[in-house]
Amino acid sequence: MLRSLLTGGRKLDQGNAQTSSIGADFGRFGIQFWADVKARDGQNDERSKRLDELVVWRNAIAHRKGGLFAAEQNTVRTSQPDRVHAQLWPTVCDELAEEFDAVMRVALRDLTGVDPWT
């Protein structure tokens, strides 16, 4: 039953790991997920923007769009991803994963009174 409550209707099961879906899924724990992540490190705001850029470009490439829609272009800073962007994305994802882990450790410890992992 607990597994069903924690996993039912997850946004990550239905689409890309963008900031809105990540925030919704982790928000189930009663936290302001992105506010907590951004409060941990001043660079996390920029990292979250890079994550959304990655998703836009991933979708453009995967769906073979010749160009980006105007709404998507508001999300990204360049009309074409360059090598610098491509090289940053794995690092950004790794750094955000570490921040997510830290935020959820605190949230779960506060919720249960026990450190969930070491």
PDB file of N, CA and C in Angstrom:
ATOM      1  N   MET A   1       0.822  -1.184   0.000  1.00  0.00           N
ATOM      2  CA  MET A   1       0.000   0.000   0.000  1.00  0.00           C
ATOM      3  C   MET A   1       0.876   1.263   0.000  1.00  0.00           C
ATOM      4  N   LEU A   2       1.921   1.252   0.800  1.00  0.00           N
ATOM      5  CA  LEU A   2       2.816   2.398   0.849  1.00  0.00           C
ATOM      6  C   LEU A   2       3.477   2.630  -0.511  1.00  0.00           C
ATOM      7  N   ARG A   3       3.932   1.548  -1.127  1.00  0.00           N
ATOM      8  CA  ARG A   3       4.560   1.676  -2.452  1.00  0.00           C
ATOM      9  C   ARG A   3       3.590   2.306  -3.443  1.00  0.00           C
ATOM     10  N   SER A   4       2.352   1.874  -3.412  1.00  0.00           N
ATOM     11  CA  SER A   4       1.338   2.407  -4.318  1.00  0.00           C
ATOM     12  C   SER A   4       1.120   3.901  -4.072  1.00  0.00           C
ATOM     13  N   LEU A   5       1.075   4.302  -2.819  1.00  0.00           N
ATOM     14  CA  LEU A   5       0.899   5.717  -2.495  1.00  0.00           C
ATOM     15  C   LEU A   5       2.088   6.562  -2.951  1.00  0.00           C
ATOM     16  N   LEU A   6       3.277   5.995  -2.859  1.00  0.00           N
ATOM     17  CA  LEU A   6       4.482   6.740  -3.226  1.00  0.00           C
ATOM     18  C   LEU A   6       4.733   6.783  -4.726  1.00  0.00           C
ATOM     19  N   THR A   7       4.226   5.804  -5.442  1.00  0.00           N
ATOM     20  CA  THR A   7       4.555   5.730  -6.872  1.00  0.00           C
ATOM     21  C   THR A   7       3.373   5.975  -7.806  1.00  0.00           C
ATOM     22  N   GLY A   8       2.162   5.885  -7.315  1.00  0.00           N
ATOM     23  CA  GLY A   8       0.989   6.055  -8.172  1.00  0.00           C
ATOM     24  C   GLY A   8       0.906   7.454  -8.764  1.00  0.00           C
ATOM     25  N   GLY A   9       0.746   7.536 -10.068  1.00  0.00           N
ATOM     26  CA  GLY A   9       0.583   8.825 -10.738  1.00  0.00           C
ATOM     27  C   GLY A   9       1.836   9.670 -10.822  1.00  0.00           C
ATOM     28  N   ARG A  10       2.998   9.062 -10.682  1.00  0.00           N
ATOM     29  CA  ARG A  10       4.239   9.838 -10.783  1.00  0.00           C
ATOM     30  C   ARG A  10       4.359  10.501 -12.150  1.00  0.00           C
ATOM     31  N   LYS A  11       4.743  11.747 -12.142  1.00  0.00           N
ATOM     32  CA  LYS A  11       4.964  12.483 -13.391  1.00  0.00           C
ATOM     33  C   LYS A  11       6.148  11.902 -14.154  1.00  0.00           C
ATOM     34  N   LEU A  12       7.149  11.413 -13.425  1.00  0.00           N
ATOM     35  CA  LEU A  12       8.336  10.869 -14.084  1.00  0.00           C
ATOM     36  C   LEU A  12       8.027   9.595 -14.867  1.00  0.00           C
ATOM     37  N   ASP A  13       6.913   8.933 -14.545  1.00  0.00           N
ATOM     38  CA  ASP A  13       6.509   7.759 -15.307  1.00  0.00           C
ATOM     39  C   ASP A  13       5.809   8.149 -16.609  1.00  0.00           C
ATOM     40  N   GLN A  14       5.454   9.409 -16.737  1.00  0.00           N
ATOM     41  CA  GLN A  14       4.658   9.857 -17.873  1.00  0.00           C
ATOM     42  C   GLN A  14       5.410  10.788 -18.820  1.00  0.00           C
ATOM     43  N   GLY A  15       6.601  11.204 -18.460  1.00  0.00           N
ATOM     44  CA  GLY A  15       7.303  12.153 -19.313  1.00  0.00           C
ATOM     45  C   GLY A  15       8.739  12.337 -18.882  1.00  0.00           C
ATOM     46  N   ASN A  16       9.299  13.437 -19.302  1.00  0.00           N
ATOM     47  CA  ASN A  16      10.696  13.735 -19.038  1.00  0.00           C
ATOM     48  C   ASN A  16      10.917  14.251 -17.615  1.00  0.00           C
ATOM     49  N   ALA A  17      12.137  14.107 -17.167  1.00  0.00           N
ATOM     50  CA  ALA A  17      12.529  14.597 -15.841  1.00  0.00           C
ATOM     51  C   ALA A  17      12.851  16.086 -15.933  1.00  0.00           C
ATOM     52  N   GLN A  18      11.815  16.894 -16.018  1.00  0.00           N
ATOM     53  CA  GLN A  18      12.010  18.342 -16.040  1.00  0.00           C
ATOM     54  C   GLN A  18      11.657  18.887 -14.664  1.00  0.00           C
ATOM     55  N   THR A  19      11.958  20.140 -14.441  1.00  0.00           N
ATOM     56  CA  THR A  19      11.788  20.695 -13.099  1.00  0.00           C
ATOM     57  C   THR A  19      10.351  20.574 -12.596  1.00  0.00           C
ATOM     58  N   SER A  20       9.367  20.769 -13.459  1.00  0.00           N
ATOM     59  CA  SER A  20       7.973  20.697 -12.999  1.00  0.00           C
ATOM     60  C   SER A  20       7.595  19.293 -12.544  1.00  0.00           C
ATOM     61  N   SER A  21       7.996  18.279 -13.288  1.00  0.00           N
ATOM     62  CA  SER A  21       7.636  16.907 -12.904  1.00  0.00           C
ATOM     63  C   SER A  21       8.418  16.449 -11.679  1.00  0.00           C
ATOM     64  N   ILE A  22       9.670  16.831 -11.592  1.00  0.00           N
ATOM     65  CA  ILE A  22      10.474  16.469 -10.417  1.00  0.00           C
ATOM     66  C   ILE A  22       9.894  17.130  -9.175  1.00  0.00           C
ATOM     67  N   GLY A  23       9.574  18.400  -9.277  1.00  0.00           N
ATOM     68  CA  GLY A  23       8.992  19.121  -8.140  1.00  0.00           C
ATOM     69  C   GLY A  23       7.675  18.521  -7.695  1.00  0.00           C
ATOM     70  N   ALA A  24       6.825  18.137  -8.644  1.00  0.00           N
ATOM     71  CA  ALA A  24       5.531  17.529  -8.309  1.00  0.00           C
ATOM     72  C   ALA A  24       5.721  16.184  -7.624  1.00  0.00           C
ATOM     73  N   ASP A  25       6.618  15.370  -8.153  1.00  0.00           N
ATOM     74  CA  ASP A  25       6.810  14.042  -7.576  1.00  0.00           C
ATOM     75  C   ASP A  25       7.405  14.102  -6.171  1.00  0.00           C
ATOM     76  N   PHE A  26       8.411  14.911  -5.973  1.00  0.00           N
ATOM     77  CA  PHE A  26       9.002  15.009  -4.641  1.00  0.00           C
ATOM     78  C   PHE A  26       8.144  15.842  -3.696  1.00  0.00           C
ATOM     79  N   GLY A  27       7.299  16.693  -4.245  1.00  0.00           N
ATOM     80  CA  GLY A  27       6.401  17.495  -3.429  1.00  0.00           C
ATOM     81  C   GLY A  27       5.377  16.658  -2.679  1.00  0.00           C
ATOM     82  N   ARG A  28       5.212  15.397  -3.071  1.00  0.00           N
ATOM     83  CA  ARG A  28       4.300  14.486  -2.369  1.00  0.00           C
ATOM     84  C   ARG A  28       4.665  14.349  -0.896  1.00  0.00           C
ATOM     85  N   PHE A  29       5.916  14.640  -0.589  1.00  0.00           N
ATOM     86  CA  PHE A  29       6.391  14.478   0.779  1.00  0.00           C
ATOM     87  C   PHE A  29       6.121  15.714   1.635  1.00  0.00           C
ATOM     88  N   GLY A  30       5.347  16.644   1.090  1.00  0.00           N
ATOM     89  CA  GLY A  30       4.955  17.814   1.856  1.00  0.00           C
ATOM     90  C   GLY A  30       6.038  18.861   1.979  1.00  0.00           C
ATOM     91  N   ILE A  31       6.944  18.888   1.007  1.00  0.00           N
ATOM     92  CA  ILE A  31       8.020  19.881   1.031  1.00  0.00           C
ATOM     93  C   ILE A  31       7.911  20.775  -0.200  1.00  0.00           C
ATOM     94  N   GLN A  32       8.512  21.929  -0.092  1.00  0.00           N
ATOM     95  CA  GLN A  32       8.656  22.828  -1.243  1.00  0.00           C
ATOM     96  C   GLN A  32       9.980  22.436  -1.900  1.00  0.00           C
ATOM     97  N   PHE A  33       9.919  21.388  -2.710  1.00  0.00           N
ATOM     98  CA  PHE A  33      11.125  20.719  -3.174  1.00  0.00           C
ATOM     99  C   PHE A  33      12.141  21.666  -3.802  1.00  0.00           C
ATOM    100  N   TRP A  34      11.743  22.402  -4.839  1.00  0.00           N
ATOM    101  CA  TRP A  34      12.712  23.251  -5.526  1.00  0.00           C
ATOM    102  C   TRP A  34      13.191  24.403  -4.647  1.00  0.00           C
ATOM    103  N   ALA A  35      12.335  24.919  -3.804  1.00  0.00           N
ATOM    104  CA  ALA A  35      12.777  25.969  -2.871  1.00  0.00           C
ATOM    105  C   ALA A  35      13.851  25.418  -1.948  1.00  0.00           C
ATOM    106  N   ASP A  36      13.667  24.181  -1.466  1.00  0.00           N
ATOM    107  CA  ASP A  36      14.666  23.563  -0.592  1.00  0.00           C
ATOM    108  C   ASP A  36      15.960  23.275  -1.345  1.00  0.00           C
ATOM    109  N   VAL A  37      15.841  22.797  -2.577  1.00  0.00           N
ATOM    110  CA  VAL A  37      17.036  22.506  -3.384  1.00  0.00           C
ATOM    111  C   VAL A  37      17.812  23.799  -3.648  1.00  0.00           C
ATOM    112  N   LYS A  38      17.103  24.840  -4.047  1.00  0.00           N
ATOM    113  CA  LYS A  38      17.776  26.102  -4.377  1.00  0.00           C
ATOM    114  C   LYS A  38      18.369  26.761  -3.129  1.00  0.00           C
ATOM    115  N   ALA A  39      17.753  26.540  -1.974  1.00  0.00           N
ATOM    116  CA  ALA A  39      18.283  27.111  -0.728  1.00  0.00           C
ATOM    117  C   ALA A  39      19.582  26.429  -0.307  1.00  0.00           C
ATOM    118  N   ARG A  40      19.794  25.197  -0.722  1.00  0.00           N
ATOM    119  CA  ARG A  40      21.008  24.462  -0.360  1.00  0.00           C
ATOM    120  C   ARG A  40      22.259  25.016  -1.030  1.00  0.00           C
ATOM    121  N   ASP A  41      22.127  25.497  -2.256  1.00  0.00           N
ATOM    122  CA  ASP A  41      23.301  25.939  -3.017  1.00  0.00           C
ATOM    123  C   ASP A  41      22.837  26.975  -4.031  1.00  0.00           C
ATOM    124  N   GLY A  42      23.479  28.114  -4.038  1.00  0.00           N
ATOM    125  CA  GLY A  42      23.112  29.188  -4.953  1.00  0.00           C
ATOM    126  C   GLY A  42      23.210  28.805  -6.420  1.00  0.00           C
ATOM    127  N   GLN A  43      23.986  27.776  -6.739  1.00  0.00           N
ATOM    128  CA  GLN A  43      24.129  27.347  -8.129  1.00  0.00           C
ATOM    129  C   GLN A  43      22.964  26.479  -8.610  1.00  0.00           C
ATOM    130  N   ASN A  44      22.127  26.026  -7.685  1.00  0.00           N
ATOM    131  CA  ASN A  44      21.044  25.115  -8.080  1.00  0.00           C
ATOM    132  C   ASN A  44      19.963  25.781  -8.919  1.00  0.00           C
ATOM    133  N   ASP A  45      19.801  27.080  -8.793  1.00  0.00           N
ATOM    134  CA  ASP A  45      18.852  27.773  -9.666  1.00  0.00           C
ATOM    135  C   ASP A  45      19.317  27.663 -11.116  1.00  0.00           C
ATOM    136  N   GLU A  46      20.585  27.934 -11.341  1.00  0.00           N
ATOM    137  CA  GLU A  46      21.150  27.821 -12.690  1.00  0.00           C
ATOM    138  C   GLU A  46      21.123  26.372 -13.167  1.00  0.00           C
ATOM    139  N   ARG A  47      21.419  25.439 -12.285  1.00  0.00           N
ATOM    140  CA  ARG A  47      21.383  24.022 -12.650  1.00  0.00           C
ATOM    141  C   ARG A  47      19.979  23.597 -13.075  1.00  0.00           C
ATOM    142  N   SER A  48      18.961  24.089 -12.379  1.00  0.00           N
ATOM    143  CA  SER A  48      17.589  23.721 -12.749  1.00  0.00           C
ATOM    144  C   SER A  48      17.235  24.257 -14.136  1.00  0.00           C
ATOM    145  N   LYS A  49      17.722  25.447 -14.460  1.00  0.00           N
ATOM    146  CA  LYS A  49      17.488  25.999 -15.801  1.00  0.00           C
ATOM    147  C   LYS A  49      18.197  25.158 -16.858  1.00  0.00           C
ATOM    148  N   ARG A  50      19.403  24.718 -16.551  1.00  0.00           N
ATOM    149  CA  ARG A  50      20.151  23.862 -17.487  1.00  0.00           C
ATOM    150  C   ARG A  50      19.431  22.531 -17.695  1.00  0.00           C
ATOM    151  N   LEU A  51      18.834  22.003 -16.638  1.00  0.00           N
ATOM    152  CA  LEU A  51      18.071  20.762 -16.765  1.00  0.00           C
ATOM    153  C   LEU A  51      16.904  20.943 -17.725  1.00  0.00           C
ATOM    154  N   ASP A  52      16.173  22.030 -17.588  1.00  0.00           N
ATOM    155  CA  ASP A  52      15.056  22.271 -18.504  1.00  0.00           C
ATOM    156  C   ASP A  52      15.539  22.485 -19.936  1.00  0.00           C
ATOM    157  N   GLU A  53      16.688  23.119 -20.109  1.00  0.00           N
ATOM    158  CA  GLU A  53      17.266  23.242 -21.454  1.00  0.00           C
ATOM    159  C   GLU A  53      17.558  21.867 -22.038  1.00  0.00           C
ATOM    160  N   LEU A  54      18.145  21.016 -21.222  1.00  0.00           N
ATOM    161  CA  LEU A  54      18.465  19.665 -21.672  1.00  0.00           C
ATOM    162  C   LEU A  54      17.211  18.947 -22.164  1.00  0.00           C
ATOM    163  N   VAL A  55      16.121  19.061 -21.426  1.00  0.00           N
ATOM    164  CA  VAL A  55      14.874  18.391 -21.807  1.00  0.00           C
ATOM    165  C   VAL A  55      14.345  18.944 -23.130  1.00  0.00           C
ATOM    166  N   VAL A  56      14.396  20.259 -23.290  1.00  0.00           N
ATOM    167  CA  VAL A  56      13.932  20.861 -24.549  1.00  0.00           C
ATOM    168  C   VAL A  56      14.755  20.339 -25.720  1.00  0.00           C
ATOM    169  N   TRP A  57      16.082  20.331 -25.573  1.00  0.00           N
ATOM    170  CA  TRP A  57      16.923  19.865 -26.671  1.00  0.00           C
ATOM    171  C   TRP A  57      16.785  18.369 -26.892  1.00  0.00           C
ATOM    172  N   ARG A  58      16.635  17.606 -25.818  1.00  0.00           N
ATOM    173  CA  ARG A  58      16.418  16.170 -25.969  1.00  0.00           C
ATOM    174  C   ARG A  58      15.167  15.918 -26.790  1.00  0.00           C
ATOM    175  N   ASN A  59      14.095  16.634 -26.480  1.00  0.00           N
ATOM    176  CA  ASN A  59      12.844  16.449 -27.211  1.00  0.00           C
ATOM    177  C   ASN A  59      12.972  16.899 -28.660  1.00  0.00           C
ATOM    178  N   ALA A  60      13.664  18.002 -28.881  1.00  0.00           N
ATOM    179  CA  ALA A  60      13.840  18.488 -30.255  1.00  0.00           C
ATOM    180  C   ALA A  60      14.611  17.473 -31.091  1.00  0.00           C
ATOM    181  N   ILE A  61      15.629  16.889 -30.483  1.00  0.00           N
ATOM    182  CA  ILE A  61      16.435  15.895 -31.208  1.00  0.00           C
ATOM    183  C   ILE A  61      15.650  14.595 -31.382  1.00  0.00           C
ATOM    184  N   ALA A  62      15.034  14.116 -30.312  1.00  0.00           N
ATOM    185  CA  ALA A  62      14.319  12.839 -30.362  1.00  0.00           C
ATOM    186  C   ALA A  62      13.142  12.877 -31.314  1.00  0.00           C
ATOM    187  N   HIS A  63      12.494  14.022 -31.402  1.00  0.00           N
ATOM    188  CA  HIS A  63      11.317  14.141 -32.262  1.00  0.00           C
ATOM    189  C   HIS A  63      11.648  14.802 -33.596  1.00  0.00           C
ATOM    190  N   ARG A  64      12.928  15.006 -33.838  1.00  0.00           N
ATOM    191  CA  ARG A  64      13.449  15.514 -35.106  1.00  0.00           C
ATOM    192  C   ARG A  64      12.780  16.809 -35.544  1.00  0.00           C
ATOM    193  N   LYS A  65      12.663  17.719 -34.606  1.00  0.00           N
ATOM    194  CA  LYS A  65      12.123  19.033 -34.962  1.00  0.00           C
ATOM    195  C   LYS A  65      13.214  19.817 -35.677  1.00  0.00           C
ATOM    196  N   GLY A  66      12.861  20.442 -36.776  1.00  0.00           N
ATOM    197  CA  GLY A  66      13.825  21.252 -37.494  1.00  0.00           C
ATOM    198  C   GLY A  66      14.230  22.474 -36.689  1.00  0.00           C
ATOM    199  N   GLY A  67      13.314  23.028 -35.974  1.00  0.00           N
ATOM    200  CA  GLY A  67      13.580  24.173 -35.127  1.00  0.00           C
ATOM    201  C   GLY A  67      12.740  24.046 -33.885  1.00  0.00           C
ATOM    202  N   LEU A  68      12.979  24.895 -32.955  1.00  0.00           N
ATOM    203  CA  LEU A  68      12.210  24.852 -31.711  1.00  0.00           C
ATOM    204  C   LEU A  68      11.001  25.766 -31.823  1.00  0.00           C
ATOM    205  N   PHE A  69       9.913  25.381 -31.186  1.00  0.00           N
ATOM    206  CA  PHE A  69       8.758  26.259 -31.114  1.00  0.00           C
ATOM    207  C   PHE A  69       9.119  27.494 -30.301  1.00  0.00           C
ATOM    208  N   ALA A  70       8.424  28.570 -30.527  1.00  0.00           N
ATOM    209  CA  ALA A  70       8.715  29.825 -29.833  1.00  0.00           C
ATOM    210  C   ALA A  70       8.657  29.656 -28.321  1.00  0.00           C
ATOM    211  N   ALA A  71       7.692  28.907 -27.820  1.00  0.00           N
ATOM    212  CA  ALA A  71       7.569  28.707 -26.370  1.00  0.00           C
ATOM    213  C   ALA A  71       8.792  27.991 -25.825  1.00  0.00           C
ATOM    214  N   GLU A  72       9.299  27.018 -26.579  1.00  0.00           N
ATOM    215  CA  GLU A  72      10.489  26.305 -26.140  1.00  0.00           C
ATOM    216  C   GLU A  72      11.710  27.200 -26.187  1.00  0.00           C
ATOM    217  N   GLN A  73      11.778  28.076 -27.151  1.00  0.00           N
ATOM    218  CA  GLN A  73      12.930  28.966 -27.254  1.00  0.00           C
ATOM    219  C   GLN A  73      13.016  29.899 -26.060  1.00  0.00           C
ATOM    220  N   ASN A  74      11.881  30.174 -25.416  1.00  0.00           N
ATOM    221  CA  ASN A  74      11.930  30.995 -24.201  1.00  0.00           C
ATOM    222  C   ASN A  74      12.623  30.263 -23.063  1.00  0.00           C
ATOM    223  N   THR A  75      12.679  28.950 -23.125  1.00  0.00           N
ATOM    224  CA  THR A  75      13.294  28.140 -22.086  1.00  0.00           C
ATOM    225  C   THR A  75      14.798  28.028 -22.279  1.00  0.00           C
ATOM    226  N   VAL A  76      15.260  28.094 -23.514  1.00  0.00           N
ATOM    227  CA  VAL A  76      16.681  27.901 -23.784  1.00  0.00           C
ATOM    228  C   VAL A  76      17.335  29.218 -24.169  1.00  0.00           C
ATOM    229  N   ARG A  77      18.633  29.250 -23.999  1.00  0.00           N
ATOM    230  CA  ARG A  77      19.363  30.497 -24.234  1.00  0.00           C
ATOM    231  C   ARG A  77      20.039  30.555 -25.592  1.00  0.00           C
ATOM    232  N   THR A  78      20.085  29.441 -26.282  1.00  0.00           N
ATOM    233  CA  THR A  78      20.712  29.433 -27.599  1.00  0.00           C
ATOM    234  C   THR A  78      19.787  28.734 -28.584  1.00  0.00           C
ATOM    235  N   SER A  79      19.927  29.079 -29.850  1.00  0.00           N
ATOM    236  CA  SER A  79      19.092  28.447 -30.861  1.00  0.00           C
ATOM    237  C   SER A  79      19.637  27.083 -31.266  1.00  0.00           C
ATOM    238  N   GLN A  80      20.878  26.814 -30.965  1.00  0.00           N
ATOM    239  CA  GLN A  80      21.483  25.514 -31.227  1.00  0.00           C
ATOM    240  C   GLN A  80      22.349  25.127 -30.022  1.00  0.00           C
ATOM    241  N   PRO A  81      22.228  23.886 -29.548  1.00  0.00           N
ATOM    242  CA  PRO A  81      23.121  23.479 -28.460  1.00  0.00           C
ATOM    243  C   PRO A  81      24.539  23.347 -29.000  1.00  0.00           C
ATOM    244  N   ASP A  82      25.493  23.805 -28.250  1.00  0.00           N
ATOM    245  CA  ASP A  82      26.878  23.673 -28.677  1.00  0.00           C
ATOM    246  C   ASP A  82      27.581  22.665 -27.774  1.00  0.00           C
ATOM    247  N   ARG A  83      28.838  22.443 -28.044  1.00  0.00           N
ATOM    248  CA  ARG A  83      29.610  21.457 -27.293  1.00  0.00           C
ATOM    249  C   ARG A  83      29.673  21.811 -25.810  1.00  0.00           C
ATOM    250  N   VAL A  84      29.753  23.096 -25.496  1.00  0.00           N
ATOM    251  CA  VAL A  84      29.811  23.523 -24.096  1.00  0.00           C
ATOM    252  C   VAL A  84      28.545  23.105 -23.365  1.00  0.00           C
ATOM    253  N   HIS A  85      27.383  23.343 -23.986  1.00  0.00           N
ATOM    254  CA  HIS A  85      26.118  22.920 -23.371  1.00  0.00           C
ATOM    255  C   HIS A  85      26.103  21.410 -23.177  1.00  0.00           C
ATOM    256  N   ALA A  86      26.458  20.687 -24.203  1.00  0.00           N
ATOM    257  CA  ALA A  86      26.415  19.225 -24.144  1.00  0.00           C
ATOM    258  C   ALA A  86      27.344  18.689 -23.067  1.00  0.00           C
ATOM    259  N   GLN A  87      28.495  19.320 -22.883  1.00  0.00           N
ATOM    260  CA  GLN A  87      29.434  18.858 -21.866  1.00  0.00           C
ATOM    261  C   GLN A  87      28.976  19.215 -20.459  1.00  0.00           C
ATOM    262  N   LEU A  88      28.190  20.259 -20.306  1.00  0.00           N
ATOM    263  CA  LEU A  88      27.700  20.658 -18.986  1.00  0.00           C
ATOM    264  C   LEU A  88      26.566  19.772 -18.482  1.00  0.00           C
ATOM    265  N   TRP A  89      25.722  19.279 -19.370  1.00  0.00           N
ATOM    266  CA  TRP A  89      24.508  18.589 -18.949  1.00  0.00           C
ATOM    267  C   TRP A  89      24.752  17.381 -18.039  1.00  0.00           C
ATOM    268  N   PRO A  90      25.701  16.480 -18.336  1.00  0.00           N
ATOM    269  CA  PRO A  90      25.900  15.355 -17.412  1.00  0.00           C
ATOM    270  C   PRO A  90      26.335  15.808 -16.016  1.00  0.00           C
ATOM    271  N   THR A  91      27.188  16.815 -15.966  1.00  0.00           N
ATOM    272  CA  THR A  91      27.638  17.339 -14.679  1.00  0.00           C
ATOM    273  C   THR A  91      26.479  17.956 -13.919  1.00  0.00           C
ATOM    274  N   VAL A  92      25.661  18.728 -14.607  1.00  0.00           N
ATOM    275  CA  VAL A  92      24.490  19.344 -13.981  1.00  0.00           C
ATOM    276  C   VAL A  92      23.570  18.270 -13.411  1.00  0.00           C
ATOM    277  N   CYS A  93      23.327  17.218 -14.169  1.00  0.00           N
ATOM    278  CA  CYS A  93      22.452  16.134 -13.692  1.00  0.00           C
ATOM    279  C   CYS A  93      23.049  15.458 -12.460  1.00  0.00           C
ATOM    280  N   ASP A  94      24.344  15.194 -12.473  1.00  0.00           N
ATOM    281  CA  ASP A  94      25.001  14.576 -11.313  1.00  0.00           C
ATOM    282  C   ASP A  94      24.918  15.476 -10.081  1.00  0.00           C
ATOM    283  N   GLU A  95      25.177  16.764 -10.275  1.00  0.00           N
ATOM    284  CA  GLU A  95      25.141  17.698  -9.148  1.00  0.00           C
ATOM    285  C   GLU A  95      23.730  17.832  -8.584  1.00  0.00           C
ATOM    286  N   LEU A  96      22.734  17.899  -9.459  1.00  0.00           N
ATOM    287  CA  LEU A  96      21.354  17.981  -8.983  1.00  0.00           C
ATOM    288  C   LEU A  96      20.950  16.694  -8.263  1.00  0.00           C
ATOM    289  N   ALA A  97      21.379  15.548  -8.753  1.00  0.00           N
ATOM    290  CA  ALA A  97      21.045  14.287  -8.083  1.00  0.00           C
ATOM    291  C   ALA A  97      21.571  14.285  -6.648  1.00  0.00           C
ATOM    292  N   GLU A  98      22.777  14.792  -6.446  1.00  0.00           N
ATOM    293  CA  GLU A  98      23.339  14.879  -5.089  1.00  0.00           C
ATOM    294  C   GLU A  98      22.525  15.839  -4.222  1.00  0.00           C
ATOM    295  N   GLU A  99      22.092  16.943  -4.808  1.00  0.00           N
ATOM    296  CA  GLU A  99      21.277  17.902  -4.056  1.00  0.00           C
ATOM    297  C   GLU A  99      19.908  17.313  -3.713  1.00  0.00           C
ATOM    298  N   PHE A 100      19.302  16.594  -4.664  1.00  0.00           N
ATOM    299  CA  PHE A 100      18.011  15.947  -4.409  1.00  0.00           C
ATOM    300  C   PHE A 100      18.140  14.955  -3.259  1.00  0.00           C
ATOM    301  N   ASP A 101      19.213  14.187  -3.291  1.00  0.00           N
ATOM    302  CA  ASP A 101      19.464  13.207  -2.238  1.00  0.00           C
ATOM    303  C   ASP A 101      19.544  13.888  -0.870  1.00  0.00           C
ATOM    304  N   ALA A 102      20.267  14.974  -0.798  1.00  0.00           N
ATOM    305  CA  ALA A 102      20.425  15.693   0.475  1.00  0.00           C
ATOM    306  C   ALA A 102      19.100  16.274   0.969  1.00  0.00           C
ATOM    307  N   VAL A 103      18.334  16.857   0.057  1.00  0.00           N
ATOM    308  CA  VAL A 103      17.036  17.440   0.436  1.00  0.00           C
ATOM    309  C   VAL A 103      16.087  16.349   0.922  1.00  0.00           C
ATOM    310  N   MET A 104      16.046  15.232   0.215  1.00  0.00           N
ATOM    311  CA  MET A 104      15.133  14.165   0.611  1.00  0.00           C
ATOM    312  C   MET A 104      15.580  13.479   1.890  1.00  0.00           C
ATOM    313  N   ARG A 105      16.868  13.402   2.128  1.00  0.00           N
ATOM    314  CA  ARG A 105      17.342  12.836   3.393  1.00  0.00           C
ATOM    315  C   ARG A 105      16.785  13.639   4.559  1.00  0.00           C
ATOM    316  N   VAL A 106      16.891  14.952   4.468  1.00  0.00           N
ATOM    317  CA  VAL A 106      16.381  15.818   5.534  1.00  0.00           C
ATOM    318  C   VAL A 106      14.863  15.685   5.652  1.00  0.00           C
ATOM    319  N   ALA A 107      14.169  15.695   4.522  1.00  0.00           N
ATOM    320  CA  ALA A 107      12.705  15.611   4.553  1.00  0.00           C
ATOM    321  C   ALA A 107      12.235  14.302   5.184  1.00  0.00           C
ATOM    322  N   LEU A 108      12.877  13.203   4.802  1.00  0.00           N
ATOM    323  CA  LEU A 108      12.475  11.907   5.350  1.00  0.00           C
ATOM    324  C   LEU A 108      12.862  11.769   6.819  1.00  0.00           C
ATOM    325  N   ARG A 109      14.003  12.316   7.182  1.00  0.00           N
ATOM    326  CA  ARG A 109      14.400  12.310   8.596  1.00  0.00           C
ATOM    327  C   ARG A 109      13.409  13.118   9.422  1.00  0.00           C
ATOM    328  N   ASP A 110      13.010  14.268   8.913  1.00  0.00           N
ATOM    329  CA  ASP A 110      12.020  15.089   9.627  1.00  0.00           C
ATOM    330  C   ASP A 110      10.676  14.373   9.721  1.00  0.00           C
ATOM    331  N   LEU A 111      10.313  13.654   8.674  1.00  0.00           N
ATOM    332  CA  LEU A 111       9.031  12.955   8.636  1.00  0.00           C
ATOM    333  C   LEU A 111       8.995  11.739   9.555  1.00  0.00           C
ATOM    334  N   THR A 112      10.104  10.974   9.580  1.00  0.00           N
ATOM    335  CA  THR A 112      10.115   9.715  10.308  1.00  0.00           C
ATOM    336  C   THR A 112      10.872   9.743  11.628  1.00  0.00           C
ATOM    337  N   GLY A 113      11.741  10.746  11.781  1.00  0.00           N
ATOM    338  CA  GLY A 113      12.577  10.797  12.978  1.00  0.00           C
ATOM    339  C   GLY A 113      13.815   9.920  12.883  1.00  0.00           C
ATOM    340  N   VAL A 114      14.021   9.300  11.735  1.00  0.00           N
ATOM    341  CA  VAL A 114      15.167   8.395  11.527  1.00  0.00           C
ATOM    342  C   VAL A 114      15.908   8.822  10.264  1.00  0.00           C
ATOM    343  N   ASP A 115      17.241   8.806  10.336  1.00  0.00           N
ATOM    344  CA  ASP A 115      18.040   9.098   9.138  1.00  0.00           C
ATOM    345  C   ASP A 115      17.840   7.960   8.147  1.00  0.00           C
ATOM    346  N   PRO A 116      17.293   8.238   6.944  1.00  0.00           N
ATOM    347  CA  PRO A 116      16.926   7.152   6.031  1.00  0.00           C
ATOM    348  C   PRO A 116      18.116   6.422   5.393  1.00  0.00           C
ATOM    349  N   TRP A 117      19.249   7.075   5.268  1.00  0.00           N
ATOM    350  CA  TRP A 117      20.442   6.454   4.719  1.00  0.00           C
ATOM    351  C   TRP A 117      21.650   7.245   5.174  1.00  0.00           C
ATOM    352  N   THR A 118      22.796   6.630   5.061  1.00  0.00           N
ATOM    353  CA  THR A 118      24.030   7.294   5.494  1.00  0.00           C
ATOM    354  C   THR A 118      24.963   7.464   4.341  1.00  0.00           C
TER     355      THR A 118
END
